[in-house]
């Protein structure tokens, strides 16, 4: 799942001829399969997600019909250094840790999220 976060199209920060870039967050390693017979501890261990953050040329981003309704700008936005691309160094590791927390929380609470969507859609 790729999630474009913010296009960085400030004309004063780009040199002439440089493409517009977009900050992308996604899942580098997805969680492993879980069965009903597994213990809670094993489910937690197998539900680990490895996120990534990178800056990509806008022309390389292909829109799909899938939508992600999570707000990831809070996770990555506070760690970027003035919008000059993907975070680097400690800021990148902090952003990945925050994304990991958001992704894993959402993955473990899927049932609650889908029931909320159904409640909103049926009202």
PDB file of N, CA and C in Angstrom:
ATOM      1  N   UNK A   1       0.854  -1.169   0.000  1.00  0.00           N
ATOM      2  CA  UNK A   1       0.000   0.000   0.000  1.00  0.00           C
ATOM      3  C   UNK A   1       0.898   1.229   0.000  1.00  0.00           C
ATOM      4  N   UNK A   2       0.811   1.999  -1.045  1.00  0.00           N
ATOM      5  CA  UNK A   2       1.538   3.261  -1.108  1.00  0.00           C
ATOM      6  C   UNK A   2       0.561   4.366  -0.768  1.00  0.00           C
ATOM      7  N   UNK A   3       0.988   5.310   0.002  1.00  0.00           N
ATOM      8  CA  UNK A   3       0.127   6.421   0.391  1.00  0.00           C
ATOM      9  C   UNK A   3       0.865   7.723   0.119  1.00  0.00           C
ATOM     10  N   UNK A   4       0.505   8.464  -0.965  1.00  0.00           N
ATOM     11  CA  UNK A   4       1.141   9.755  -1.185  1.00  0.00           C
ATOM     12  C   UNK A   4       0.737  10.722  -0.082  1.00  0.00           C
ATOM     13  N   UNK A   5       1.707  11.338   0.535  1.00  0.00           N
ATOM     14  CA  UNK A   5       1.422  12.198   1.670  1.00  0.00           C
ATOM     15  C   UNK A   5       1.303  13.661   1.282  1.00  0.00           C
ATOM     16  N   UNK A   6       2.291  14.192   0.600  1.00  0.00           N
ATOM     17  CA  UNK A   6       2.242  15.609   0.279  1.00  0.00           C
ATOM     18  C   UNK A   6       3.072  15.893  -0.958  1.00  0.00           C
ATOM     19  N   UNK A   7       2.473  16.476  -1.979  1.00  0.00           N
ATOM     20  CA  UNK A   7       3.289  16.878  -3.113  1.00  0.00           C
ATOM     21  C   UNK A   7       4.156  18.052  -2.732  1.00  0.00           C
ATOM     22  N   UNK A   8       5.404  18.008  -3.149  1.00  0.00           N
ATOM     23  CA  UNK A   8       6.314  19.087  -2.813  1.00  0.00           C
ATOM     24  C   UNK A   8       6.580  19.886  -4.076  1.00  0.00           C
ATOM     25  N   UNK A   9       5.700  20.818  -4.341  1.00  0.00           N
ATOM     26  CA  UNK A   9       5.767  21.546  -5.599  1.00  0.00           C
ATOM     27  C   UNK A   9       6.050  23.023  -5.389  1.00  0.00           C
ATOM     28  N   UNK A  10       6.739  23.362  -4.311  1.00  0.00           N
ATOM     29  CA  UNK A  10       7.082  24.759  -4.078  1.00  0.00           C
ATOM     30  C   UNK A  10       8.092  25.190  -5.145  1.00  0.00           C
ATOM     31  N   UNK A  11       7.727  26.154  -6.007  1.00  0.00           N
ATOM     32  CA  UNK A  11       8.612  26.520  -7.108  1.00  0.00           C
ATOM     33  C   UNK A  11       9.928  27.134  -6.655  1.00  0.00           C
ATOM     34  N   UNK A  12       9.967  27.768  -5.485  1.00  0.00           N
ATOM     35  CA  UNK A  12      11.201  28.401  -5.046  1.00  0.00           C
ATOM     36  C   UNK A  12      12.226  27.377  -4.546  1.00  0.00           C
ATOM     37  N   UNK A  13      11.774  26.196  -4.108  1.00  0.00           N
ATOM     38  CA  UNK A  13      12.704  25.200  -3.589  1.00  0.00           C
ATOM     39  C   UNK A  13      13.249  24.280  -4.682  1.00  0.00           C
ATOM     40  N   UNK A  14      12.658  24.302  -5.872  1.00  0.00           N
ATOM     41  CA  UNK A  14      13.108  23.447  -6.963  1.00  0.00           C
ATOM     42  C   UNK A  14      13.911  24.238  -7.976  1.00  0.00           C
ATOM     43  N   UNK A  15      14.899  23.596  -8.547  1.00  0.00           N
ATOM     44  CA  UNK A  15      15.613  24.212  -9.649  1.00  0.00           C
ATOM     45  C   UNK A  15      14.831  23.967 -10.921  1.00  0.00           C
ATOM     46  N   UNK A  16      15.117  24.741 -11.933  1.00  0.00           N
ATOM     47  CA  UNK A  16      14.414  24.596 -13.200  1.00  0.00           C
ATOM     48  C   UNK A  16      14.723  23.224 -13.806  1.00  0.00           C
ATOM     49  N   UNK A  17      13.692  22.538 -14.230  1.00  0.00           N
ATOM     50  CA  UNK A  17      13.854  21.238 -14.846  1.00  0.00           C
ATOM     51  C   UNK A  17      13.763  20.072 -13.878  1.00  0.00           C
ATOM     52  N   UNK A  18      13.744  20.348 -12.577  1.00  0.00           N
ATOM     53  CA  UNK A  18      13.601  19.257 -11.619  1.00  0.00           C
ATOM     54  C   UNK A  18      12.143  18.855 -11.511  1.00  0.00           C
ATOM     55  N   UNK A  19      11.871  17.574 -11.470  1.00  0.00           N
ATOM     56  CA  UNK A  19      10.477  17.125 -11.390  1.00  0.00           C
ATOM     57  C   UNK A  19       9.874  17.364 -10.009  1.00  0.00           C
ATOM     58  N   UNK A  20       8.569  17.440  -9.963  1.00  0.00           N
ATOM     59  CA  UNK A  20       7.858  17.553  -8.699  1.00  0.00           C
ATOM     60  C   UNK A  20       7.929  16.205  -7.990  1.00  0.00           C
ATOM     61  N   UNK A  21       8.155  16.238  -6.702  1.00  0.00           N
ATOM     62  CA  UNK A  21       8.282  15.003  -5.934  1.00  0.00           C
ATOM     63  C   UNK A  21       7.129  14.885  -4.949  1.00  0.00           C
ATOM     64  N   UNK A  22       6.845  13.673  -4.543  1.00  0.00           N
ATOM     65  CA  UNK A  22       5.789  13.418  -3.575  1.00  0.00           C
ATOM     66  C   UNK A  22       6.363  12.482  -2.507  1.00  0.00           C
ATOM     67  N   UNK A  23       5.953  12.701  -1.282  1.00  0.00           N
ATOM     68  CA  UNK A  23       6.418  11.891  -0.168  1.00  0.00           C
ATOM     69  C   UNK A  23       5.490  10.682  -0.043  1.00  0.00           C
ATOM     70  N   UNK A  24       6.060   9.480  -0.044  1.00  0.00           N
ATOM     71  CA  UNK A  24       5.283   8.249  -0.042  1.00  0.00           C
ATOM     72  C   UNK A  24       5.574   7.469   1.235  1.00  0.00           C
ATOM     73  N   UNK A  25       4.535   6.925   1.845  1.00  0.00           N
ATOM     74  CA  UNK A  25       4.679   6.009   2.977  1.00  0.00           C
ATOM     75  C   UNK A  25       3.973   4.719   2.612  1.00  0.00           C
ATOM     76  N   UNK A  26       4.566   3.606   2.971  1.00  0.00           N
ATOM     77  CA  UNK A  26       3.973   2.321   2.630  1.00  0.00           C
ATOM     78  C   UNK A  26       4.473   1.210   3.517  1.00  0.00           C
ATOM     79  N   UNK A  27       4.093  -0.009   3.151  1.00  0.00           N
ATOM     80  CA  UNK A  27       4.453  -1.188   3.921  1.00  0.00           C
ATOM     81  C   UNK A  27       5.518  -1.958   3.159  1.00  0.00           C
ATOM     82  N   UNK A  28       6.724  -2.069   3.751  1.00  0.00           N
ATOM     83  CA  UNK A  28       7.814  -2.804   3.130  1.00  0.00           C
ATOM     84  C   UNK A  28       7.686  -4.304   3.400  1.00  0.00           C
ATOM     85  N   UNK A  29       7.259  -4.673   4.595  1.00  0.00           N
ATOM     86  CA  UNK A  29       7.064  -6.084   4.937  1.00  0.00           C
ATOM     87  C   UNK A  29       5.721  -6.217   5.639  1.00  0.00           C
ATOM     88  N   UNK A  30       4.840  -6.994   5.055  1.00  0.00           N
ATOM     89  CA  UNK A  30       3.490  -7.138   5.602  1.00  0.00           C
ATOM     90  C   UNK A  30       3.475  -8.166   6.734  1.00  0.00           C
ATOM     91  N   UNK A  31       2.415  -8.166   7.544  1.00  0.00           N
ATOM     92  CA  UNK A  31       2.322  -9.127   8.648  1.00  0.00           C
ATOM     93  C   UNK A  31       2.125 -10.551   8.132  1.00  0.00           C
ATOM     94  N   UNK A  32       2.512 -11.515   8.947  1.00  0.00           N
ATOM     95  CA  UNK A  32       2.378 -12.919   8.583  1.00  0.00           C
ATOM     96  C   UNK A  32       0.963 -13.412   8.866  1.00  0.00           C
ATOM     97  N   UNK A  33       0.633 -14.564   8.314  1.00  0.00           N
ATOM     98  CA  UNK A  33      -0.707 -15.127   8.502  1.00  0.00           C
ATOM     99  C   UNK A  33      -0.936 -15.513   9.962  1.00  0.00           C
ATOM    100  N   UNK A  34      -2.175 -15.339  10.386  1.00  0.00           N
ATOM    101  CA  UNK A  34      -2.567 -15.629  11.757  1.00  0.00           C
ATOM    102  C   UNK A  34      -3.783 -16.542  11.716  1.00  0.00           C
ATOM    103  N   UNK A  35      -3.805 -17.525  12.612  1.00  0.00           N
ATOM    104  CA  UNK A  35      -4.970 -18.399  12.703  1.00  0.00           C
ATOM    105  C   UNK A  35      -5.639 -18.215  14.058  1.00  0.00           C
ATOM    106  N   UNK A  36      -6.823 -18.726  14.158  1.00  0.00           N
ATOM    107  CA  UNK A  36      -7.603 -18.557  15.368  1.00  0.00           C
ATOM    108  C   UNK A  36      -7.012 -19.298  16.561  1.00  0.00           C
ATOM    109  N   UNK A  37      -6.318 -20.411  16.293  1.00  0.00           N
ATOM    110  CA  UNK A  37      -5.784 -21.233  17.379  1.00  0.00           C
ATOM    111  C   UNK A  37      -4.508 -20.669  18.003  1.00  0.00           C
ATOM    112  N   UNK A  38      -3.941 -19.623  17.417  1.00  0.00           N
ATOM    113  CA  UNK A  38      -2.697 -19.046  17.941  1.00  0.00           C
ATOM    114  C   UNK A  38      -2.963 -18.230  19.205  1.00  0.00           C
ATOM    115  N   UNK A  39      -1.972 -18.221  20.084  1.00  0.00           N
ATOM    116  CA  UNK A  39      -2.103 -17.456  21.321  1.00  0.00           C
ATOM    117  C   UNK A  39      -2.021 -15.961  21.015  1.00  0.00           C
ATOM    118  N   UNK A  40      -2.443 -15.165  21.968  1.00  0.00           N
ATOM    119  CA  UNK A  40      -2.436 -13.710  21.797  1.00  0.00           C
ATOM    120  C   UNK A  40      -1.014 -13.187  21.597  1.00  0.00           C
ATOM    121  N   UNK A  41      -0.075 -13.778  22.329  1.00  0.00           N
ATOM    122  CA  UNK A  41       1.321 -13.375  22.234  1.00  0.00           C
ATOM    123  C   UNK A  41       1.873 -13.665  20.833  1.00  0.00           C
ATOM    124  N   UNK A  42       1.521 -14.820  20.288  1.00  0.00           N
ATOM    125  CA  UNK A  42       1.999 -15.192  18.959  1.00  0.00           C
ATOM    126  C   UNK A  42       1.361 -14.315  17.885  1.00  0.00           C
ATOM    127  N   UNK A  43       0.105 -13.963  18.072  1.00  0.00           N
ATOM    128  CA  UNK A  43      -0.574 -13.079  17.120  1.00  0.00           C
ATOM    129  C   UNK A  43       0.104 -11.714  17.110  1.00  0.00           C
ATOM    130  N   UNK A  44       0.442 -11.191  18.287  1.00  0.00           N
ATOM    131  CA  UNK A  44       1.135  -9.896  18.380  1.00  0.00           C
ATOM    132  C   UNK A  44       2.473  -9.954  17.663  1.00  0.00           C
ATOM    133  N   UNK A  45       3.192 -11.054  17.854  1.00  0.00           N
ATOM    134  CA  UNK A  45       4.515 -11.199  17.259  1.00  0.00           C
ATOM    135  C   UNK A  45       4.434 -11.305  15.739  1.00  0.00           C
ATOM    136  N   UNK A  46       3.433 -11.999  15.228  1.00  0.00           N
ATOM    137  CA  UNK A  46       3.293 -12.193  13.782  1.00  0.00           C
ATOM    138  C   UNK A  46       2.631 -10.997  13.094  1.00  0.00           C
ATOM    139  N   UNK A  47       2.171 -10.029  13.862  1.00  0.00           N
ATOM    140  CA  UNK A  47       1.484  -8.869  13.302  1.00  0.00           C
ATOM    141  C   UNK A  47       2.405  -7.663  13.138  1.00  0.00           C
ATOM    142  N   UNK A  48       3.694  -7.885  13.137  1.00  0.00           N
ATOM    143  CA  UNK A  48       4.650  -6.787  12.967  1.00  0.00           C
ATOM    144  C   UNK A  48       4.655  -6.326  11.507  1.00  0.00           C
ATOM    145  N   UNK A  49       4.734  -5.029  11.327  1.00  0.00           N
ATOM    146  CA  UNK A  49       4.752  -4.424   9.994  1.00  0.00           C
ATOM    147  C   UNK A  49       5.990  -3.547   9.883  1.00  0.00           C
ATOM    148  N   UNK A  50       6.658  -3.621   8.737  1.00  0.00           N
ATOM    149  CA  UNK A  50       7.826  -2.778   8.501  1.00  0.00           C
ATOM    150  C   UNK A  50       7.438  -1.694   7.496  1.00  0.00           C
ATOM    151  N   UNK A  51       7.392  -0.423   7.911  1.00  0.00           N
ATOM    152  CA  UNK A  51       7.007   0.659   6.996  1.00  0.00           C
ATOM    153  C   UNK A  51       8.221   1.263   6.289  1.00  0.00           C
ATOM    154  N   UNK A  52       7.947   2.061   5.276  1.00  0.00           N
ATOM    155  CA  UNK A  52       9.006   2.823   4.620  1.00  0.00           C
ATOM    156  C   UNK A  52       8.492   4.215   4.302  1.00  0.00           C
ATOM    157  N   UNK A  53       9.423   5.158   4.145  1.00  0.00           N
ATOM    158  CA  UNK A  53       9.118   6.528   3.756  1.00  0.00           C
ATOM    159  C   UNK A  53      10.136   6.917   2.702  1.00  0.00           C
ATOM    160  N   UNK A  54       9.675   7.427   1.570  1.00  0.00           N
ATOM    161  CA  UNK A  54      10.615   7.880   0.545  1.00  0.00           C
ATOM    162  C   UNK A  54       9.977   8.948  -0.323  1.00  0.00           C
ATOM    163  N   UNK A  55      10.824   9.672  -1.001  1.00  0.00           N
ATOM    164  CA  UNK A  55      10.386  10.717  -1.922  1.00  0.00           C
ATOM    165  C   UNK A  55      10.478  10.158  -3.333  1.00  0.00           C
ATOM    166  N   UNK A  56       9.391  10.328  -4.110  1.00  0.00           N
ATOM    167  CA  UNK A  56       9.303   9.741  -5.444  1.00  0.00           C
ATOM    168  C   UNK A  56       8.833  10.805  -6.426  1.00  0.00           C
ATOM    169  N   UNK A  57       9.286  10.686  -7.666  1.00  0.00           N
ATOM    170  CA  UNK A  57       8.827  11.553  -8.746  1.00  0.00           C
ATOM    171  C   UNK A  57       7.324  11.341  -8.942  1.00  0.00           C
ATOM    172  N   UNK A  58       6.585  12.420  -9.119  1.00  0.00           N
ATOM    173  CA  UNK A  58       5.128  12.347  -9.273  1.00  0.00           C
ATOM    174  C   UNK A  58       4.739  11.508 -10.486  1.00  0.00           C
ATOM    175  N   UNK A  59       5.536  11.543 -11.538  1.00  0.00           N
ATOM    176  CA  UNK A  59       5.207  10.777 -12.735  1.00  0.00           C
ATOM    177  C   UNK A  59       5.271   9.271 -12.507  1.00  0.00           C
ATOM    178  N   UNK A  60       5.938   8.835 -11.446  1.00  0.00           N
ATOM    179  CA  UNK A  60       6.060   7.416 -11.169  1.00  0.00           C
ATOM    180  C   UNK A  60       4.974   6.903 -10.239  1.00  0.00           C
ATOM    181  N   UNK A  61       4.107   7.781  -9.781  1.00  0.00           N
ATOM    182  CA  UNK A  61       3.018   7.375  -8.907  1.00  0.00           C
ATOM    183  C   UNK A  61       1.800   7.108  -9.768  1.00  0.00           C
ATOM    184  N   UNK A  62       1.292   5.889  -9.676  1.00  0.00           N
ATOM    185  CA  UNK A  62       0.139   5.500 -10.482  1.00  0.00           C
ATOM    186  C   UNK A  62      -1.088   5.446  -9.585  1.00  0.00           C
ATOM    187  N   UNK A  63      -2.102   6.241  -9.873  1.00  0.00           N
ATOM    188  CA  UNK A  63      -3.296   6.237  -9.025  1.00  0.00           C
ATOM    189  C   UNK A  63      -4.063   4.929  -9.175  1.00  0.00           C
ATOM    190  N   UNK A  64      -4.615   4.456  -8.071  1.00  0.00           N
ATOM    191  CA  UNK A  64      -5.410   3.234  -8.092  1.00  0.00           C
ATOM    192  C   UNK A  64      -6.779   3.527  -7.511  1.00  0.00           C
ATOM    193  N   UNK A  65      -7.605   2.527  -7.537  1.00  0.00           N
ATOM    194  CA  UNK A  65      -8.952   2.704  -6.994  1.00  0.00           C
ATOM    195  C   UNK A  65      -8.993   2.536  -5.485  1.00  0.00           C
ATOM    196  N   UNK A  66      -7.901   2.086  -4.888  1.00  0.00           N
ATOM    197  CA  UNK A  66      -7.870   1.865  -3.452  1.00  0.00           C
ATOM    198  C   UNK A  66      -7.578   3.159  -2.712  1.00  0.00           C
ATOM    199  N   UNK A  67      -8.251   3.317  -1.579  1.00  0.00           N
ATOM    200  CA  UNK A  67      -8.060   4.509  -0.777  1.00  0.00           C
ATOM    201  C   UNK A  67      -7.702   4.113   0.648  1.00  0.00           C
ATOM    202  N   UNK A  68      -6.854   4.904   1.249  1.00  0.00           N
ATOM    203  CA  UNK A  68      -6.490   4.700   2.643  1.00  0.00           C
ATOM    204  C   UNK A  68      -7.034   5.885   3.416  1.00  0.00           C
ATOM    205  N   UNK A  69      -7.839   5.604   4.428  1.00  0.00           N
ATOM    206  CA  UNK A  69      -8.463   6.693   5.169  1.00  0.00           C
ATOM    207  C   UNK A  69      -7.748   6.987   6.483  1.00  0.00           C
ATOM    208  N   UNK A  70      -6.451   6.703   6.540  1.00  0.00           N
ATOM    209  CA  UNK A  70      -5.657   7.038   7.721  1.00  0.00           C
ATOM    210  C   UNK A  70      -4.953   8.368   7.465  1.00  0.00           C
ATOM    211  N   UNK A  71      -4.787   9.150   8.515  1.00  0.00           N
ATOM    212  CA  UNK A  71      -4.072  10.412   8.379  1.00  0.00           C
ATOM    213  C   UNK A  71      -2.617  10.180   8.749  1.00  0.00           C
ATOM    214  N   UNK A  72      -1.760  10.083   7.731  1.00  0.00           N
ATOM    215  CA  UNK A  72      -0.353   9.792   7.959  1.00  0.00           C
ATOM    216  C   UNK A  72       0.505  11.048   7.967  1.00  0.00           C
ATOM    217  N   UNK A  73      -0.091  12.188   7.660  1.00  0.00           N
ATOM    218  CA  UNK A  73       0.683  13.431   7.641  1.00  0.00           C
ATOM    219  C   UNK A  73       1.217  13.773   9.025  1.00  0.00           C
ATOM    220  N   UNK A  74       0.464  13.404  10.060  1.00  0.00           N
ATOM    221  CA  UNK A  74       0.930  13.684  11.418  1.00  0.00           C
ATOM    222  C   UNK A  74       2.188  12.889  11.732  1.00  0.00           C
ATOM    223  N   UNK A  75       2.261  11.654  11.250  1.00  0.00           N
ATOM    224  CA  UNK A  75       3.420  10.798  11.542  1.00  0.00           C
ATOM    225  C   UNK A  75       4.669  11.286  10.847  1.00  0.00           C
ATOM    226  N   UNK A  76       4.542  11.615   9.565  1.00  0.00           N
ATOM    227  CA  UNK A  76       5.712  11.966   8.780  1.00  0.00           C
ATOM    228  C   UNK A  76       5.911  13.467   8.707  1.00  0.00           C
ATOM    229  N   UNK A  77       4.824  14.237   8.742  1.00  0.00           N
ATOM    230  CA  UNK A  77       4.905  15.676   8.571  1.00  0.00           C
ATOM    231  C   UNK A  77       5.709  16.382   9.630  1.00  0.00           C
ATOM    232  N   UNK A  78       5.607  15.935  10.875  1.00  0.00           N
ATOM    233  CA  UNK A  78       6.330  16.623  11.948  1.00  0.00           C
ATOM    234  C   UNK A  78       7.817  16.295  11.928  1.00  0.00           C
ATOM    235  N   UNK A  79       8.210  15.238  11.205  1.00  0.00           N
ATOM    236  CA  UNK A  79       9.629  14.867  11.209  1.00  0.00           C
ATOM    237  C   UNK A  79      10.371  15.331   9.962  1.00  0.00           C
ATOM    238  N   UNK A  80       9.655  15.878   8.965  1.00  0.00           N
ATOM    239  CA  UNK A  80      10.353  16.346   7.772  1.00  0.00           C
ATOM    240  C   UNK A  80      11.029  17.673   8.060  1.00  0.00           C
ATOM    241  N   UNK A  81      12.099  17.924   7.342  1.00  0.00           N
ATOM    242  CA  UNK A  81      12.874  19.139   7.588  1.00  0.00           C
ATOM    243  C   UNK A  81      12.530  20.214   6.558  1.00  0.00           C
ATOM    244  N   UNK A  82      11.410  20.849   6.755  1.00  0.00           N
ATOM    245  CA  UNK A  82      11.031  21.958   5.897  1.00  0.00           C
ATOM    246  C   UNK A  82      10.486  21.552   4.541  1.00  0.00           C
ATOM    247  N   UNK A  83      10.071  20.308   4.370  1.00  0.00           N
ATOM    248  CA  UNK A  83       9.487  19.884   3.105  1.00  0.00           C
ATOM    249  C   UNK A  83      10.478  19.735   1.976  1.00  0.00           C
ATOM    250  N   UNK A  84      11.743  19.433   2.280  1.00  0.00           N
ATOM    251  CA  UNK A  84      12.750  19.318   1.236  1.00  0.00           C
ATOM    252  C   UNK A  84      12.921  17.887   0.762  1.00  0.00           C
ATOM    253  N   UNK A  85      11.921  17.053   0.938  1.00  0.00           N
ATOM    254  CA  UNK A  85      12.006  15.670   0.495  1.00  0.00           C
ATOM    255  C   UNK A  85      11.719  14.731   1.642  1.00  0.00           C
ATOM    256  N   UNK A  86      12.142  13.486   1.462  1.00  0.00           N
ATOM    257  CA  UNK A  86      11.938  12.488   2.504  1.00  0.00           C
ATOM    258  C   UNK A  86      12.810  12.822   3.707  1.00  0.00           C
ATOM    259  N   UNK A  87      12.345  12.511   4.910  1.00  0.00           N
ATOM    260  CA  UNK A  87      13.166  12.763   6.090  1.00  0.00           C
ATOM    261  C   UNK A  87      14.435  11.919   6.050  1.00  0.00           C
ATOM    262  N   UNK A  88      15.477  12.415   6.665  1.00  0.00           N
ATOM    263  CA  UNK A  88      16.766  11.720   6.652  1.00  0.00           C
ATOM    264  C   UNK A  88      17.256  11.490   8.077  1.00  0.00           C
ATOM    265  N   UNK A  89      18.024  10.434   8.266  1.00  0.00           N
ATOM    266  CA  UNK A  89      18.661  10.168   9.551  1.00  0.00           C
ATOM    267  C   UNK A  89      17.674   9.853  10.652  1.00  0.00           C
ATOM    268  N   UNK A  90      17.822  10.562  11.780  1.00  0.00           N
ATOM    269  CA  UNK A  90      16.965  10.321  12.937  1.00  0.00           C
ATOM    270  C   UNK A  90      15.513  10.656  12.643  1.00  0.00           C
ATOM    271  N   UNK A  91      15.281  11.672  11.830  1.00  0.00           N
ATOM    272  CA  UNK A  91      13.906  12.046  11.485  1.00  0.00           C
ATOM    273  C   UNK A  91      13.224  10.917  10.729  1.00  0.00           C
ATOM    274  N   UNK A  92      13.966  10.235   9.863  1.00  0.00           N
ATOM    275  CA  UNK A  92      13.394   9.126   9.099  1.00  0.00           C
ATOM    276  C   UNK A  92      13.067   7.953  10.015  1.00  0.00           C
ATOM    277  N   UNK A  93      13.972   7.637  10.940  1.00  0.00           N
ATOM    278  CA  UNK A  93      13.700   6.520  11.847  1.00  0.00           C
ATOM    279  C   UNK A  93      12.529   6.847  12.773  1.00  0.00           C
ATOM    280  N   UNK A  94      12.423   8.115  13.207  1.00  0.00           N
ATOM    281  CA  UNK A  94      11.277   8.517  14.035  1.00  0.00           C
ATOM    282  C   UNK A  94       9.976   8.413  13.248  1.00  0.00           C
ATOM    283  N   UNK A  95      10.008   8.826  11.972  1.00  0.00           N
ATOM    284  CA  UNK A  95       8.814   8.740  11.123  1.00  0.00           C
ATOM    285  C   UNK A  95       8.421   7.291  10.912  1.00  0.00           C
ATOM    286  N   UNK A  96       9.399   6.409  10.684  1.00  0.00           N
ATOM    287  CA  UNK A  96       9.099   4.988  10.480  1.00  0.00           C
ATOM    288  C   UNK A  96       8.527   4.358  11.742  1.00  0.00           C
ATOM    289  N   UNK A  97       9.031   4.756  12.909  1.00  0.00           N
ATOM    290  CA  UNK A  97       8.493   4.227  14.163  1.00  0.00           C
ATOM    291  C   UNK A  97       7.051   4.667  14.364  1.00  0.00           C
ATOM    292  N   UNK A  98       6.769   5.928  14.051  1.00  0.00           N
ATOM    293  CA  UNK A  98       5.396   6.427  14.194  1.00  0.00           C
ATOM    294  C   UNK A  98       4.467   5.727  13.204  1.00  0.00           C
ATOM    295  N   UNK A  99       4.942   5.537  11.966  1.00  0.00           N
ATOM    296  CA  UNK A  99       4.136   4.829  10.966  1.00  0.00           C
ATOM    297  C   UNK A  99       3.895   3.387  11.378  1.00  0.00           C
ATOM    298  N   UNK A 100       4.905   2.748  11.915  1.00  0.00           N
ATOM    299  CA  UNK A 100       4.768   1.357  12.359  1.00  0.00           C
ATOM    300  C   UNK A 100       3.679   1.246  13.411  1.00  0.00           C
ATOM    301  N   UNK A 101       3.673   2.204  14.350  1.00  0.00           N
ATOM    302  CA  UNK A 101       2.674   2.197  15.405  1.00  0.00           C
ATOM    303  C   UNK A 101       1.259   2.360  14.823  1.00  0.00           C
ATOM    304  N   UNK A 102       1.110   3.282  13.862  1.00  0.00           N
ATOM    305  CA  UNK A 102      -0.194   3.528  13.248  1.00  0.00           C
ATOM    306  C   UNK A 102      -0.658   2.316  12.442  1.00  0.00           C
ATOM    307  N   UNK A 103       0.243   1.759  11.621  1.00  0.00           N
ATOM    308  CA  UNK A 103      -0.115   0.611  10.789  1.00  0.00           C
ATOM    309  C   UNK A 103      -0.487  -0.607  11.628  1.00  0.00           C
ATOM    310  N   UNK A 104       0.313  -0.895  12.668  1.00  0.00           N
ATOM    311  CA  UNK A 104       0.044  -2.069  13.491  1.00  0.00           C
ATOM    312  C   UNK A 104      -1.236  -1.901  14.303  1.00  0.00           C
ATOM    313  N   UNK A 105      -1.471  -0.693  14.799  1.00  0.00           N
ATOM    314  CA  UNK A 105      -2.715  -0.443  15.547  1.00  0.00           C
ATOM    315  C   UNK A 105      -3.924  -0.652  14.644  1.00  0.00           C
ATOM    316  N   UNK A 106      -3.840  -0.149  13.427  1.00  0.00           N
ATOM    317  CA  UNK A 106      -4.933  -0.293  12.477  1.00  0.00           C
ATOM    318  C   UNK A 106      -5.125  -1.755  12.079  1.00  0.00           C
ATOM    319  N   UNK A 107      -4.016  -2.484  11.898  1.00  0.00           N
ATOM    320  CA  UNK A 107      -4.096  -3.893  11.509  1.00  0.00           C
ATOM    321  C   UNK A 107      -4.733  -4.729  12.605  1.00  0.00           C
ATOM    322  N   UNK A 108      -4.362  -4.471  13.862  1.00  0.00           N
ATOM    323  CA  UNK A 108      -4.893  -5.260  14.969  1.00  0.00           C
ATOM    324  C   UNK A 108      -6.339  -4.907  15.299  1.00  0.00           C
ATOM    325  N   UNK A 109      -6.790  -3.716  14.918  1.00  0.00           N
ATOM    326  CA  UNK A 109      -8.157  -3.276  15.219  1.00  0.00           C
ATOM    327  C   UNK A 109      -9.005  -3.174  13.955  1.00  0.00           C
ATOM    328  N   UNK A 110      -8.818  -4.084  13.024  1.00  0.00           N
ATOM    329  CA  UNK A 110      -9.564  -4.044  11.766  1.00  0.00           C
ATOM    330  C   UNK A 110     -11.070  -4.160  11.975  1.00  0.00           C
ATOM    331  N   UNK A 111     -11.459  -5.022  12.885  1.00  0.00           N
ATOM    332  CA  UNK A 111     -12.882  -5.277  13.096  1.00  0.00           C
ATOM    333  C   UNK A 111     -13.597  -4.014  13.566  1.00  0.00           C
ATOM    334  N   UNK A 112     -12.951  -3.247  14.444  1.00  0.00           N
ATOM    335  CA  UNK A 112     -13.552  -2.011  14.948  1.00  0.00           C
ATOM    336  C   UNK A 112     -13.692  -0.982  13.830  1.00  0.00           C
ATOM    337  N   UNK A 113     -12.690  -0.889  12.981  1.00  0.00           N
ATOM    338  CA  UNK A 113     -12.699   0.098  11.903  1.00  0.00           C
ATOM    339  C   UNK A 113     -13.785  -0.223  10.892  1.00  0.00           C
ATOM    340  N   UNK A 114     -13.927  -1.498  10.524  1.00  0.00           N
ATOM    341  CA  UNK A 114     -14.950  -1.862   9.536  1.00  0.00           C
ATOM    342  C   UNK A 114     -16.349  -1.675  10.109  1.00  0.00           C
ATOM    343  N   UNK A 115     -16.524  -1.939  11.408  1.00  0.00           N
ATOM    344  CA  UNK A 115     -17.845  -1.737  11.993  1.00  0.00           C
ATOM    345  C   UNK A 115     -18.188  -0.247  12.056  1.00  0.00           C
ATOM    346  N   UNK A 116     -17.171   0.606  12.286  1.00  0.00           N
ATOM    347  CA  UNK A 116     -17.410   2.049  12.278  1.00  0.00           C
ATOM    348  C   UNK A 116     -17.821   2.514  10.888  1.00  0.00           C
ATOM    349  N   UNK A 117     -17.153   1.985   9.856  1.00  0.00           N
ATOM    350  CA  UNK A 117     -17.493   2.356   8.480  1.00  0.00           C
ATOM    351  C   UNK A 117     -18.909   1.934   8.136  1.00  0.00           C
ATOM    352  N   UNK A 118     -19.292   0.742   8.561  1.00  0.00           N
ATOM    353  CA  UNK A 118     -20.649   0.255   8.287  1.00  0.00           C
ATOM    354  C   UNK A 118     -21.684   1.116   9.002  1.00  0.00           C
ATOM    355  N   UNK A 119     -21.382   1.530  10.228  1.00  0.00           N
ATOM    356  CA  UNK A 119     -22.304   2.363  10.990  1.00  0.00           C
ATOM    357  C   UNK A 119     -22.475   3.725  10.325  1.00  0.00           C
ATOM    358  N   UNK A 120     -21.394   4.273   9.823  1.00  0.00           N
ATOM    359  CA  UNK A 120     -21.467   5.575   9.152  1.00  0.00           C
ATOM    360  C   UNK A 120     -22.213   5.452   7.829  1.00  0.00           C
ATOM    361  N   UNK A 121     -21.925   4.374   7.093  1.00  0.00           N
ATOM    362  CA  UNK A 121     -22.539   4.181   5.775  1.00  0.00           C
ATOM    363  C   UNK A 121     -24.029   3.884   5.849  1.00  0.00           C
ATOM    364  N   UNK A 122     -24.484   3.247   6.897  1.00  0.00           N
ATOM    365  CA  UNK A 122     -25.897   2.878   6.994  1.00  0.00           C
ATOM    366  C   UNK A 122     -26.761   3.995   7.563  1.00  0.00           C
ATOM    367  N   UNK A 123     -26.144   5.000   8.176  1.00  0.00           N
ATOM    368  CA  UNK A 123     -26.911   6.083   8.796  1.00  0.00           C
ATOM    369  C   UNK A 123     -27.483   7.027   7.776  1.00  0.00           C
TER     370      UNK A 123
END
